[in-house]
Amino acid sequence: MLKYQIALTLINGIGPKLARNLIAYLGSVEAVFSPKSHFEKIPGIGEIMAAKIRGIDQNSILARAEEEISFIARHKIKTAFFTDENYPERLTNCEDAPLLLYSKGDVNYDSVKAISIVGTRSASDYGKTLCEKLVKEIAERHPGTLIVSGLAYGIDICAHRAALKNGLPTVAVLAHGLDRIYPPTHRQTATEISKKGALLTEFMTGTNPDKPNFVRRNRIVAGLCDAVVVVESASKGGALITAGIGASYSRDVLAF
């Protein structure tokens, strides 16, 4: 089944919403790859998309999925499809949440409390100090709170390191596959996170940290939490994008 779940994410033009419709109407992810499926009857699928699905190179896509499964097995990576019991509960309420997640580590995504801390990559000393104090106070008042961020320079990495220092679980949501770490200078912290929390991504191996992927990453950061906290941000920074997504998900949004 995992092979077809991965393969589904490889079909261009089929996003999370459309894929959910496909599975709901066809009954299984495997049925998407059946030549007997009647796609035209499914909401959101017109003749053009139906023809596109039927015309995909299944052998190529399924072979790529097999390669990913091999990598997953070698590196002890966990997967969570949106219908699986281990899929993060908070994300199930986000209609554009990823179909499939890959993770390295072991953490309870459904912790009683989860907070995403984001901010500028060019954090000031004041911003870093504020972030560290915030995480320390969270640890003292609400032990076990999950701290979520994106492993980027500035506030992100500060939040992760503060969580590790204060004994809180932390999740780093990546904008690339688990075969690399970006930025490379955060590799040591990423390794520690994988042992005391988790590295999480929707992207397969071979995926570069390209700009559009960071925006997609941000919706996971926003969806995994109860509240998004912005600690310093440029007027058009990625942190504000995450905050906006969080608000659209009915998450609390706070800023310092």
C-alpha atoms as a PDB file:
ATOM      1  CA  MET A   1       0.000   0.000   0.000  1.00  0.00           C
ATOM      2  CA  LEU A   2       2.834   2.422   0.829  1.00  0.00           C
ATOM      3  CA  LYS A   3       4.098   2.147  -2.736  1.00  0.00           C
ATOM      4  CA  TYR A   4       0.807   3.476  -4.095  1.00  0.00           C
ATOM      5  CA  GLN A   5       0.584   6.154  -1.411  1.00  0.00           C
ATOM      6  CA  ILE A   6       3.986   7.482  -2.442  1.00  0.00           C
ATOM      7  CA  ALA A   7       3.143   7.140  -6.131  1.00  0.00           C
ATOM      8  CA  LEU A   8      -0.009   9.223  -5.683  1.00  0.00           C
ATOM      9  CA  THR A   9       2.075  12.149  -4.441  1.00  0.00           C
ATOM     10  CA  LEU A  10       4.133  11.942  -7.634  1.00  0.00           C
ATOM     11  CA  ILE A  11       1.248  12.651 -10.008  1.00  0.00           C
ATOM     12  CA  ASN A  12       1.531  16.259 -11.154  1.00  0.00           C
ATOM     13  CA  GLY A  13      -1.647  18.263 -10.813  1.00  0.00           C
ATOM     14  CA  ILE A  14      -3.124  16.208  -7.986  1.00  0.00           C
ATOM     15  CA  GLY A  15      -2.925  18.118  -4.737  1.00  0.00           C
ATOM     16  CA  PRO A  16      -4.068  17.045  -1.268  1.00  0.00           C
ATOM     17  CA  LYS A  17      -7.718  18.049  -1.741  1.00  0.00           C
ATOM     18  CA  LEU A  18      -8.141  16.320  -5.096  1.00  0.00           C
ATOM     19  CA  ALA A  19      -6.327  13.218  -3.898  1.00  0.00           C
ATOM     20  CA  ARG A  20      -8.688  12.947  -0.947  1.00  0.00           C
ATOM     21  CA  ASN A  21     -11.651  13.106  -3.321  1.00  0.00           C
ATOM     22  CA  LEU A  22     -10.133  10.403  -5.503  1.00  0.00           C
ATOM     23  CA  ILE A  23      -9.649   8.019  -2.605  1.00  0.00           C
ATOM     24  CA  ALA A  24     -13.052   8.792  -1.090  1.00  0.00           C
ATOM     25  CA  TYR A  25     -14.879   7.986  -4.336  1.00  0.00           C
ATOM     26  CA  LEU A  26     -12.716   5.108  -5.551  1.00  0.00           C
ATOM     27  CA  GLY A  27     -12.377   3.415  -2.168  1.00  0.00           C
ATOM     28  CA  SER A  28      -8.597   3.004  -2.058  1.00  0.00           C
ATOM     29  CA  VAL A  29      -5.351   4.569  -3.182  1.00  0.00           C
ATOM     30  CA  GLU A  30      -4.620   1.521  -5.344  1.00  0.00           C
ATOM     31  CA  ALA A  31      -7.803   2.149  -7.328  1.00  0.00           C
ATOM     32  CA  VAL A  32      -6.369   5.438  -8.573  1.00  0.00           C
ATOM     33  CA  PHE A  33      -3.950   3.372 -10.637  1.00  0.00           C
ATOM     34  CA  SER A  34      -6.601   1.028 -12.016  1.00  0.00           C
ATOM     35  CA  PRO A  35      -7.486   1.452 -15.709  1.00  0.00           C
ATOM     36  CA  LYS A  36     -11.082   0.568 -14.842  1.00  0.00           C
ATOM     37  CA  SER A  37     -11.639   3.570 -12.569  1.00  0.00           C
ATOM     38  CA  HIS A  38     -14.177   6.148 -13.738  1.00  0.00           C
ATOM     39  CA  PHE A  39     -12.509   9.428 -12.831  1.00  0.00           C
ATOM     40  CA  GLU A  40     -14.956  11.685 -14.669  1.00  0.00           C
ATOM     41  CA  LYS A  41     -17.640  11.083 -12.031  1.00  0.00           C
ATOM     42  CA  ILE A  42     -15.453  12.449  -9.254  1.00  0.00           C
ATOM     43  CA  PRO A  43     -15.899  16.114  -8.209  1.00  0.00           C
ATOM     44  CA  GLY A  44     -12.954  18.194  -9.359  1.00  0.00           C
ATOM     45  CA  ILE A  45     -11.934  15.710 -12.057  1.00  0.00           C
ATOM     46  CA  GLY A  46     -12.757  16.757 -15.590  1.00  0.00           C
ATOM     47  CA  GLU A  47     -12.002  15.001 -18.848  1.00  0.00           C
ATOM     48  CA  ILE A  48      -8.575  16.616 -19.117  1.00  0.00           C
ATOM     49  CA  MET A  49      -7.456  15.540 -15.644  1.00  0.00           C
ATOM     50  CA  ALA A  50      -8.959  12.081 -16.112  1.00  0.00           C
ATOM     51  CA  ALA A  51      -6.974  11.664 -19.320  1.00  0.00           C
ATOM     52  CA  LYS A  52      -3.860  12.922 -17.571  1.00  0.00           C
ATOM     53  CA  ILE A  53      -4.210  10.359 -14.784  1.00  0.00           C
ATOM     54  CA  ARG A  54      -4.766   7.543 -17.257  1.00  0.00           C
ATOM     55  CA  GLY A  55      -1.772   8.690 -19.267  1.00  0.00           C
ATOM     56  CA  ILE A  56       0.800   8.672 -16.480  1.00  0.00           C
ATOM     57  CA  ASP A  57       3.801   6.397 -16.765  1.00  0.00           C
ATOM     58  CA  GLN A  58       2.844   4.029 -13.962  1.00  0.00           C
ATOM     59  CA  ASN A  59       5.963   1.915 -14.291  1.00  0.00           C
ATOM     60  CA  SER A  60       8.194   4.929 -13.791  1.00  0.00           C
ATOM     61  CA  ILE A  61       6.202   6.335 -10.878  1.00  0.00           C
ATOM     62  CA  LEU A  62       5.924   3.008  -9.077  1.00  0.00           C
ATOM     63  CA  ALA A  63       9.638   2.337  -9.599  1.00  0.00           C
ATOM     64  CA  ARG A  64      10.433   5.710  -8.010  1.00  0.00           C
ATOM     65  CA  ALA A  65       8.156   4.814  -5.114  1.00  0.00           C
ATOM     66  CA  GLU A  66      10.044   1.553  -4.627  1.00  0.00           C
ATOM     67  CA  GLU A  67      13.313   3.505  -4.448  1.00  0.00           C
ATOM     68  CA  GLU A  68      11.842   5.688  -1.725  1.00  0.00           C
ATOM     69  CA  ILE A  69      10.655   2.661   0.232  1.00  0.00           C
ATOM     70  CA  SER A  70      14.182   1.264   0.095  1.00  0.00           C
ATOM     71  CA  PHE A  71      15.571   4.531   1.498  1.00  0.00           C
ATOM     72  CA  ILE A  72      12.903   4.559   4.198  1.00  0.00           C
ATOM     73  CA  ALA A  73      13.803   1.044   5.294  1.00  0.00           C
ATOM     74  CA  ARG A  74      17.560   1.707   5.358  1.00  0.00           C
ATOM     75  CA  HIS A  75      17.251   4.874   7.420  1.00  0.00           C
ATOM     76  CA  LYS A  76      14.421   3.794   9.734  1.00  0.00           C
ATOM     77  CA  ILE A  77      12.110   6.533   8.556  1.00  0.00           C
ATOM     78  CA  LYS A  78       8.457   6.481   9.534  1.00  0.00           C
ATOM     79  CA  THR A  79       5.573   7.414   7.272  1.00  0.00           C
ATOM     80  CA  ALA A  80       2.058   8.621   7.983  1.00  0.00           C
ATOM     81  CA  PHE A  81      -0.637   8.693   5.294  1.00  0.00           C
ATOM     82  CA  PHE A  82      -3.598  10.960   5.991  1.00  0.00           C
ATOM     83  CA  THR A  83      -5.837   7.950   6.680  1.00  0.00           C
ATOM     84  CA  ASP A  84      -3.376   6.332   9.117  1.00  0.00           C
ATOM     85  CA  GLU A  85      -3.898   6.373  12.875  1.00  0.00           C
ATOM     86  CA  ASN A  86      -0.433   7.864  13.414  1.00  0.00           C
ATOM     87  CA  TYR A  87      -1.168  10.884  11.214  1.00  0.00           C
ATOM     88  CA  PRO A  88      -1.031  14.060  13.380  1.00  0.00           C
ATOM     89  CA  GLU A  89      -4.525  14.773  14.655  1.00  0.00           C
ATOM     90  CA  ARG A  90      -4.231  18.541  14.348  1.00  0.00           C
ATOM     91  CA  LEU A  91      -3.370  18.263  10.656  1.00  0.00           C
ATOM     92  CA  THR A  92      -6.486  16.231   9.899  1.00  0.00           C
ATOM     93  CA  ASN A  93      -8.475  19.442  10.343  1.00  0.00           C
ATOM     94  CA  CYS A  94      -6.445  21.243   7.654  1.00  0.00           C
ATOM     95  CA  GLU A  95      -7.940  20.597   4.222  1.00  0.00           C
ATOM     96  CA  ASP A  96      -4.667  21.222   2.394  1.00  0.00           C
ATOM     97  CA  ALA A  97      -2.527  19.125   4.746  1.00  0.00           C
ATOM     98  CA  PRO A  98      -0.035  16.742   3.091  1.00  0.00           C
ATOM     99  CA  LEU A  99      -1.233  13.317   2.000  1.00  0.00           C
ATOM    100  CA  LEU A 100       1.928  11.658   3.237  1.00  0.00           C
ATOM    101  CA  LEU A 101       4.507  12.589   5.851  1.00  0.00           C
ATOM    102  CA  TYR A 102       8.015  11.247   6.387  1.00  0.00           C
ATOM    103  CA  SER A 103       9.658  11.503   9.799  1.00  0.00           C
ATOM    104  CA  LYS A 104      12.934  10.667  11.482  1.00  0.00           C
ATOM    105  CA  GLY A 105      12.631  10.357  15.244  1.00  0.00           C
ATOM    106  CA  ASP A 106       9.922   9.613  17.752  1.00  0.00           C
ATOM    107  CA  VAL A 107       7.598  12.256  19.121  1.00  0.00           C
ATOM    108  CA  ASN A 108       3.961  12.565  20.116  1.00  0.00           C
ATOM    109  CA  TYR A 109       2.505  14.963  17.557  1.00  0.00           C
ATOM    110  CA  ASP A 110      -0.756  14.888  19.471  1.00  0.00           C
ATOM    111  CA  SER A 111       0.711  16.324  22.685  1.00  0.00           C
ATOM    112  CA  VAL A 112      -1.787  18.092  24.914  1.00  0.00           C
ATOM    113  CA  LYS A 113      -0.117  21.375  24.007  1.00  0.00           C
ATOM    114  CA  ALA A 114       1.825  22.274  20.858  1.00  0.00           C
ATOM    115  CA  ILE A 115       3.271  25.675  19.991  1.00  0.00           C
ATOM    116  CA  SER A 116       4.960  26.788  16.785  1.00  0.00           C
ATOM    117  CA  ILE A 117       7.638  29.435  17.222  1.00  0.00           C
ATOM    118  CA  VAL A 118       8.758  31.252  14.085  1.00  0.00           C
ATOM    119  CA  GLY A 119      10.535  34.460  13.188  1.00  0.00           C
ATOM    120  CA  THR A 120      13.144  36.209  11.135  1.00  0.00           C
ATOM    121  CA  ARG A 121      16.302  34.501   9.935  1.00  0.00           C
ATOM    122  CA  SER A 122      18.191  37.676  10.890  1.00  0.00           C
ATOM    123  CA  ALA A 123      17.239  37.596  14.544  1.00  0.00           C
ATOM    124  CA  SER A 124      18.613  40.234  16.894  1.00  0.00           C
ATOM    125  CA  ASP A 125      20.204  39.339  20.209  1.00  0.00           C
ATOM    126  CA  TYR A 126      17.058  40.678  21.865  1.00  0.00           C
ATOM    127  CA  GLY A 127      14.871  38.409  19.747  1.00  0.00           C
ATOM    128  CA  LYS A 128      16.970  35.349  20.517  1.00  0.00           C
ATOM    129  CA  THR A 129      16.925  36.134  24.240  1.00  0.00           C
ATOM    130  CA  LEU A 130      13.162  36.597  24.144  1.00  0.00           C
ATOM    131  CA  CYS A 131      12.752  33.265  22.340  1.00  0.00           C
ATOM    132  CA  GLU A 132      14.934  31.452  24.869  1.00  0.00           C
ATOM    133  CA  LYS A 133      13.054  32.960  27.820  1.00  0.00           C
ATOM    134  CA  LEU A 134       9.715  32.077  26.245  1.00  0.00           C
ATOM    135  CA  VAL A 135      10.646  28.426  25.747  1.00  0.00           C
ATOM    136  CA  LYS A 136      12.109  28.191  29.244  1.00  0.00           C
ATOM    137  CA  GLU A 137       8.910  29.563  30.751  1.00  0.00           C
ATOM    138  CA  ILE A 138       6.795  27.181  28.668  1.00  0.00           C
ATOM    139  CA  ALA A 139       8.879  24.274  29.975  1.00  0.00           C
ATOM    140  CA  GLU A 140       8.402  25.420  33.568  1.00  0.00           C
ATOM    141  CA  ARG A 141       4.663  26.037  33.328  1.00  0.00           C
ATOM    142  CA  HIS A 142       3.650  23.381  30.803  1.00  0.00           C
ATOM    143  CA  PRO A 143       6.140  20.480  30.761  1.00  0.00           C
ATOM    144  CA  GLY A 144       5.849  18.269  27.705  1.00  0.00           C
ATOM    145  CA  THR A 145       4.680  21.022  25.366  1.00  0.00           C
ATOM    146  CA  LEU A 146       5.697  20.288  21.786  1.00  0.00           C
ATOM    147  CA  ILE A 147       7.759  23.053  20.167  1.00  0.00           C
ATOM    148  CA  VAL A 148       7.476  23.212  16.372  1.00  0.00           C
ATOM    149  CA  SER A 149       9.619  25.230  13.973  1.00  0.00           C
ATOM    150  CA  GLY A 150      11.427  25.045  10.634  1.00  0.00           C
ATOM    151  CA  LEU A 151      15.165  24.594  11.384  1.00  0.00           C
ATOM    152  CA  ALA A 152      15.990  27.850   9.595  1.00  0.00           C
ATOM    153  CA  TYR A 153      18.532  30.422  10.716  1.00  0.00           C
ATOM    154  CA  GLY A 154      17.536  32.896  13.412  1.00  0.00           C
ATOM    155  CA  ILE A 155      14.459  32.332  15.544  1.00  0.00           C
ATOM    156  CA  ASP A 156      13.718  28.824  14.208  1.00  0.00           C
ATOM    157  CA  ILE A 157      16.995  27.258  15.278  1.00  0.00           C
ATOM    158  CA  CYS A 158      16.925  29.252  18.514  1.00  0.00           C
ATOM    159  CA  ALA A 159      13.515  27.751  19.361  1.00  0.00           C
ATOM    160  CA  HIS A 160      14.702  24.206  18.641  1.00  0.00           C
ATOM    161  CA  ARG A 161      17.853  24.579  20.718  1.00  0.00           C
ATOM    162  CA  ALA A 162      15.968  26.175  23.590  1.00  0.00           C
ATOM    163  CA  ALA A 163      13.490  23.286  23.552  1.00  0.00           C
ATOM    164  CA  LEU A 164      16.301  20.730  23.655  1.00  0.00           C
ATOM    165  CA  LYS A 165      18.027  22.642  26.457  1.00  0.00           C
ATOM    166  CA  ASN A 166      14.854  22.756  28.549  1.00  0.00           C
ATOM    167  CA  GLY A 167      13.800  19.159  27.977  1.00  0.00           C
ATOM    168  CA  LEU A 168      10.875  19.831  25.656  1.00  0.00           C
ATOM    169  CA  PRO A 169      10.140  17.693  22.583  1.00  0.00           C
ATOM    170  CA  THR A 170      10.638  19.568  19.331  1.00  0.00           C
ATOM    171  CA  VAL A 171       9.781  18.974  15.685  1.00  0.00           C
ATOM    172  CA  ALA A 172      11.730  20.493  12.805  1.00  0.00           C
ATOM    173  CA  VAL A 173       9.588  20.702   9.667  1.00  0.00           C
ATOM    174  CA  LEU A 174      11.786  20.578   6.570  1.00  0.00           C
ATOM    175  CA  ALA A 175      11.394  22.042   3.084  1.00  0.00           C
ATOM    176  CA  HIS A 176      13.270  19.158   1.460  1.00  0.00           C
ATOM    177  CA  GLY A 177      13.738  15.399   1.684  1.00  0.00           C
ATOM    178  CA  LEU A 178      15.288  13.545   4.612  1.00  0.00           C
ATOM    179  CA  ASP A 179      18.408  12.737   2.602  1.00  0.00           C
ATOM    180  CA  ARG A 180      19.817  16.184   3.407  1.00  0.00           C
ATOM    181  CA  ILE A 181      19.772  18.943   6.001  1.00  0.00           C
ATOM    182  CA  TYR A 182      19.355  22.610   5.159  1.00  0.00           C
ATOM    183  CA  PRO A 183      21.072  24.704   6.194  1.00  0.00           C
ATOM    184  CA  PRO A 184      24.032  22.284   6.536  1.00  0.00           C
ATOM    185  CA  THR A 185      25.349  24.211   9.539  1.00  0.00           C
ATOM    186  CA  HIS A 186      22.355  22.974  11.539  1.00  0.00           C
ATOM    187  CA  ARG A 187      23.134  19.300  10.955  1.00  0.00           C
ATOM    188  CA  GLN A 188      24.320  18.657  14.516  1.00  0.00           C
ATOM    189  CA  THR A 189      21.166  20.188  15.978  1.00  0.00           C
ATOM    190  CA  ALA A 190      19.060  18.232  13.482  1.00  0.00           C
ATOM    191  CA  THR A 191      20.705  15.003  14.626  1.00  0.00           C
ATOM    192  CA  GLU A 192      19.898  15.853  18.235  1.00  0.00           C
ATOM    193  CA  ILE A 193      16.320  16.693  17.289  1.00  0.00           C
ATOM    194  CA  SER A 194      15.942  13.307  15.580  1.00  0.00           C
ATOM    195  CA  LYS A 195      16.919  11.666  18.885  1.00  0.00           C
ATOM    196  CA  LYS A 196      14.803  13.811  21.205  1.00  0.00           C
ATOM    197  CA  GLY A 197      12.019  14.833  18.861  1.00  0.00           C
ATOM    198  CA  ALA A 198      11.583  14.450  15.123  1.00  0.00           C
ATOM    199  CA  LEU A 199      12.496  15.745  11.694  1.00  0.00           C
ATOM    200  CA  LEU A 200       9.336  15.928   9.587  1.00  0.00           C
ATOM    201  CA  THR A 201       8.711  16.538   5.891  1.00  0.00           C
ATOM    202  CA  GLU A 202       6.246  15.884   3.092  1.00  0.00           C
ATOM    203  CA  PHE A 203       9.043  15.831   0.520  1.00  0.00           C
ATOM    204  CA  MET A 204      10.746  12.773  -0.939  1.00  0.00           C
ATOM    205  CA  THR A 205      14.482  12.258  -1.176  1.00  0.00           C
ATOM    206  CA  GLY A 206      16.120  14.253  -3.923  1.00  0.00           C
ATOM    207  CA  THR A 207      13.930  17.291  -3.249  1.00  0.00           C
ATOM    208  CA  ASN A 208      15.945  20.494  -2.971  1.00  0.00           C
ATOM    209  CA  PRO A 209      15.111  23.289  -0.511  1.00  0.00           C
ATOM    210  CA  ASP A 210      13.634  25.491  -3.236  1.00  0.00           C
ATOM    211  CA  LYS A 211      11.702  28.648  -2.356  1.00  0.00           C
ATOM    212  CA  PRO A 212       8.164  27.296  -3.048  1.00  0.00           C
ATOM    213  CA  ASN A 213       8.840  24.386  -0.706  1.00  0.00           C
ATOM    214  CA  PHE A 214       9.302  26.724   2.245  1.00  0.00           C
ATOM    215  CA  VAL A 215       5.792  28.097   1.791  1.00  0.00           C
ATOM    216  CA  ARG A 216       4.441  24.548   1.685  1.00  0.00           C
ATOM    217  CA  ARG A 217       6.521  23.737   4.747  1.00  0.00           C
ATOM    218  CA  ASN A 218       4.998  26.687   6.599  1.00  0.00           C
ATOM    219  CA  ARG A 219       1.474  25.280   6.431  1.00  0.00           C
ATOM    220  CA  ILE A 220       2.658  22.163   8.288  1.00  0.00           C
ATOM    221  CA  VAL A 221       4.355  24.312  10.922  1.00  0.00           C
ATOM    222  CA  ALA A 222       1.077  26.187  11.364  1.00  0.00           C
ATOM    223  CA  GLY A 223      -1.126  23.108  11.286  1.00  0.00           C
ATOM    224  CA  LEU A 224       0.761  21.064  13.879  1.00  0.00           C
ATOM    225  CA  CYS A 225       0.173  23.547  16.684  1.00  0.00           C
ATOM    226  CA  ASP A 226      -2.451  25.151  18.878  1.00  0.00           C
ATOM    227  CA  ALA A 227      -0.799  28.555  18.623  1.00  0.00           C
ATOM    228  CA  VAL A 228       1.732  30.272  16.365  1.00  0.00           C
ATOM    229  CA  VAL A 229       4.139  32.631  18.117  1.00  0.00           C
ATOM    230  CA  VAL A 230       6.047  35.122  15.962  1.00  0.00           C
ATOM    231  CA  VAL A 231       9.275  36.423  17.488  1.00  0.00           C
ATOM    232  CA  GLU A 232      10.554  39.195  15.198  1.00  0.00           C
ATOM    233  CA  SER A 233       9.666  39.239  11.520  1.00  0.00           C
ATOM    234  CA  ALA A 234      10.200  41.324   8.434  1.00  0.00           C
ATOM    235  CA  SER A 235       7.072  42.979   7.045  1.00  0.00           C
ATOM    236  CA  LYS A 236       6.894  40.343   4.297  1.00  0.00           C
ATOM    237  CA  GLY A 237       8.735  37.514   6.007  1.00  0.00           C
ATOM    238  CA  GLY A 238       7.939  33.824   5.958  1.00  0.00           C
ATOM    239  CA  ALA A 239       7.014  34.010   9.634  1.00  0.00           C
ATOM    240  CA  LEU A 240       4.050  36.234   8.805  1.00  0.00           C
ATOM    241  CA  ILE A 241       3.012  33.797   6.092  1.00  0.00           C
ATOM    242  CA  THR A 242       3.011  31.043   8.711  1.00  0.00           C
ATOM    243  CA  ALA A 243       1.025  33.256  11.073  1.00  0.00           C
ATOM    244  CA  GLY A 244      -1.532  33.953   8.351  1.00  0.00           C
ATOM    245  CA  ILE A 245      -1.905  30.264   7.599  1.00  0.00           C
ATOM    246  CA  GLY A 246      -2.269  29.590  11.314  1.00  0.00           C
ATOM    247  CA  ALA A 247      -5.076  32.136  11.533  1.00  0.00           C
ATOM    248  CA  SER A 248      -6.820  30.482   8.574  1.00  0.00           C
ATOM    249  CA  TYR A 249      -6.619  27.204  10.501  1.00  0.00           C
ATOM    250  CA  SER A 250      -8.213  28.897  13.536  1.00  0.00           C
ATOM    251  CA  ARG A 251      -4.981  28.721  15.514  1.00  0.00           C
ATOM    252  CA  ASP A 252      -4.139  31.384  18.065  1.00  0.00           C
ATOM    253  CA  VAL A 253      -1.533  33.804  16.713  1.00  0.00           C
ATOM    254  CA  LEU A 254       0.719  35.836  18.993  1.00  0.00           C
ATOM    255  CA  ALA A 255       3.639  38.159  18.277  1.00  0.00           C
ATOM    256  CA  PHE A 256       6.482  39.756  20.195  1.00  0.00           C
END
